[in-house]
Amino acid sequence: MVVDSASLTCQNRQMTANEPLVVYTRRDCHLCELAVTMLEQAGVDWRLVDIDTDPELASRYGNHVPVLLHESSGKELFFPFKEEQIVAFASG
């Protein structure tokens, strides 16, 4: 049996091999801007989530942004990180 990894589902959610990382951020965060630049340079797909739009996220992360989330594994990578760490983290 051949399984197409791009069509696997987990908890009724479509997963892809290139699932974007979530970047937890907030407005006027220079470290968040740096993290986005690093993600772009690393060629990693990502999407921003402003923690201030969700009280639970704001409480959880506070001033500890940026944080990268690998949704399918649930793993988090807190800043500071390097481009090489981002690539390895995105790979799972």
C-alpha atoms as a PDB file:
ATOM      1  CA  MET A   1       0.000   0.000   0.000  1.00  0.00           C
ATOM      2  CA  VAL A   2       1.333   3.430  -0.966  1.00  0.00           C
ATOM      3  CA  VAL A   3       0.566   6.338   1.331  1.00  0.00           C
ATOM      4  CA  ASP A   4       0.743   9.889   0.058  1.00  0.00           C
ATOM      5  CA  SER A   5       2.232  11.847   2.973  1.00  0.00           C
ATOM      6  CA  ALA A   6       0.743  15.044   1.579  1.00  0.00           C
ATOM      7  CA  SER A   7      -2.761  13.731   2.246  1.00  0.00           C
ATOM      8  CA  LEU A   8      -2.455  12.344   5.764  1.00  0.00           C
ATOM      9  CA  THR A   9      -4.965  13.608   8.284  1.00  0.00           C
ATOM     10  CA  CYS A  10      -4.654  13.935  12.014  1.00  0.00           C
ATOM     11  CA  GLN A  11      -7.593  14.767  14.259  1.00  0.00           C
ATOM     12  CA  ASN A  12      -9.734  15.588  11.201  1.00  0.00           C
ATOM     13  CA  ARG A  13      -7.215  18.152  10.028  1.00  0.00           C
ATOM     14  CA  GLN A  14      -5.480  18.116   6.661  1.00  0.00           C
ATOM     15  CA  MET A  15      -1.716  17.947   7.008  1.00  0.00           C
ATOM     16  CA  THR A  16       0.841  18.547   4.310  1.00  0.00           C
ATOM     17  CA  ALA A  17       4.516  17.811   4.017  1.00  0.00           C
ATOM     18  CA  ASN A  18       5.165  21.561   3.906  1.00  0.00           C
ATOM     19  CA  GLU A  19       2.904  22.627   6.742  1.00  0.00           C
ATOM     20  CA  PRO A  20       3.781  26.211   7.669  1.00  0.00           C
ATOM     21  CA  LEU A  21       5.223  26.958  11.067  1.00  0.00           C
ATOM     22  CA  VAL A  22       3.187  29.215  13.293  1.00  0.00           C
ATOM     23  CA  VAL A  23       5.062  32.311  14.425  1.00  0.00           C
ATOM     24  CA  TYR A  24       3.612  33.674  17.647  1.00  0.00           C
ATOM     25  CA  THR A  25       4.258  37.390  17.637  1.00  0.00           C
ATOM     26  CA  ARG A  26       2.934  40.752  18.749  1.00  0.00           C
ATOM     27  CA  ARG A  27       2.953  44.270  17.339  1.00  0.00           C
ATOM     28  CA  ASP A  28       6.139  46.313  17.406  1.00  0.00           C
ATOM     29  CA  CYS A  29       8.297  43.315  18.296  1.00  0.00           C
ATOM     30  CA  HIS A  30      11.717  43.782  16.707  1.00  0.00           C
ATOM     31  CA  LEU A  31      12.739  40.228  17.600  1.00  0.00           C
ATOM     32  CA  CYS A  32       9.632  38.954  15.819  1.00  0.00           C
ATOM     33  CA  GLU A  33      10.623  40.917  12.733  1.00  0.00           C
ATOM     34  CA  LEU A  34      14.094  39.366  12.950  1.00  0.00           C
ATOM     35  CA  ALA A  35      12.580  35.880  13.251  1.00  0.00           C
ATOM     36  CA  VAL A  36      10.434  36.458  10.142  1.00  0.00           C
ATOM     37  CA  THR A  37      13.517  37.588   8.216  1.00  0.00           C
ATOM     38  CA  MET A  38      15.312  34.423   9.321  1.00  0.00           C
ATOM     39  CA  LEU A  39      12.353  32.259   8.259  1.00  0.00           C
ATOM     40  CA  GLU A  40      12.310  33.902   4.839  1.00  0.00           C
ATOM     41  CA  GLN A  41      16.060  33.408   4.425  1.00  0.00           C
ATOM     42  CA  ALA A  42      15.706  29.763   5.460  1.00  0.00           C
ATOM     43  CA  GLY A  43      12.961  29.246   2.877  1.00  0.00           C
ATOM     44  CA  VAL A  44      10.545  27.940   5.492  1.00  0.00           C
ATOM     45  CA  ASP A  45       6.780  28.388   5.141  1.00  0.00           C
ATOM     46  CA  TRP A  46       5.226  30.254   8.043  1.00  0.00           C
ATOM     47  CA  ARG A  47       2.159  32.151   9.186  1.00  0.00           C
ATOM     48  CA  LEU A  48       1.863  34.835  11.845  1.00  0.00           C
ATOM     49  CA  VAL A  49      -0.395  34.711  14.873  1.00  0.00           C
ATOM     50  CA  ASP A  50      -0.600  37.872  16.979  1.00  0.00           C
ATOM     51  CA  ILE A  51      -0.853  36.637  20.566  1.00  0.00           C
ATOM     52  CA  ASP A  52      -2.582  39.843  21.627  1.00  0.00           C
ATOM     53  CA  THR A  53      -5.698  38.804  19.666  1.00  0.00           C
ATOM     54  CA  ASP A  54      -6.189  35.813  21.973  1.00  0.00           C
ATOM     55  CA  PRO A  55      -6.152  36.288  25.775  1.00  0.00           C
ATOM     56  CA  GLU A  56      -5.073  32.673  26.323  1.00  0.00           C
ATOM     57  CA  LEU A  57      -2.069  33.053  24.012  1.00  0.00           C
ATOM     58  CA  ALA A  58      -1.192  36.430  25.532  1.00  0.00           C
ATOM     59  CA  SER A  59      -1.268  34.862  28.991  1.00  0.00           C
ATOM     60  CA  ARG A  60       0.734  31.830  27.901  1.00  0.00           C
ATOM     61  CA  TYR A  61       3.529  33.622  26.016  1.00  0.00           C
ATOM     62  CA  GLY A  62       3.524  37.137  27.492  1.00  0.00           C
ATOM     63  CA  ASN A  63       6.775  38.800  26.495  1.00  0.00           C
ATOM     64  CA  HIS A  64       8.356  35.516  25.403  1.00  0.00           C
ATOM     65  CA  VAL A  65       7.859  36.054  21.679  1.00  0.00           C
ATOM     66  CA  PRO A  66       8.725  35.137  19.020  1.00  0.00           C
ATOM     67  CA  VAL A  67       7.894  31.479  19.407  1.00  0.00           C
ATOM     68  CA  LEU A  68       7.723  29.003  16.541  1.00  0.00           C
ATOM     69  CA  LEU A  69       5.139  26.236  16.711  1.00  0.00           C
ATOM     70  CA  HIS A  70       5.299  23.050  14.665  1.00  0.00           C
ATOM     71  CA  GLU A  71       1.574  22.314  14.747  1.00  0.00           C
ATOM     72  CA  SER A  72       1.624  18.660  13.754  1.00  0.00           C
ATOM     73  CA  SER A  73       4.110  17.751  16.486  1.00  0.00           C
ATOM     74  CA  GLY A  74       3.109  20.406  19.012  1.00  0.00           C
ATOM     75  CA  LYS A  75       6.768  21.329  19.514  1.00  0.00           C
ATOM     76  CA  GLU A  76       7.765  24.918  20.216  1.00  0.00           C
ATOM     77  CA  LEU A  77      11.008  26.770  19.569  1.00  0.00           C
ATOM     78  CA  PHE A  78      11.565  29.880  21.654  1.00  0.00           C
ATOM     79  CA  PHE A  79      13.789  32.762  20.570  1.00  0.00           C
ATOM     80  CA  PRO A  80      16.773  33.059  20.407  1.00  0.00           C
ATOM     81  CA  PHE A  81      17.326  30.635  17.561  1.00  0.00           C
ATOM     82  CA  LYS A  82      19.515  30.492  14.475  1.00  0.00           C
ATOM     83  CA  GLU A  83      18.579  29.870  10.862  1.00  0.00           C
ATOM     84  CA  GLU A  84      19.995  26.326  11.025  1.00  0.00           C
ATOM     85  CA  GLN A  85      17.799  25.579  14.043  1.00  0.00           C
ATOM     86  CA  ILE A  86      14.746  26.851  12.164  1.00  0.00           C
ATOM     87  CA  VAL A  87      15.421  24.513   9.233  1.00  0.00           C
ATOM     88  CA  ALA A  88      15.922  21.519  11.528  1.00  0.00           C
ATOM     89  CA  PHE A  89      12.822  22.445  13.551  1.00  0.00           C
ATOM     90  CA  ALA A  90      10.670  22.777  10.426  1.00  0.00           C
ATOM     91  CA  SER A  91      11.797  19.317   9.287  1.00  0.00           C
ATOM     92  CA  GLY A  92      10.122  17.800  12.302  1.00  0.00           C
END
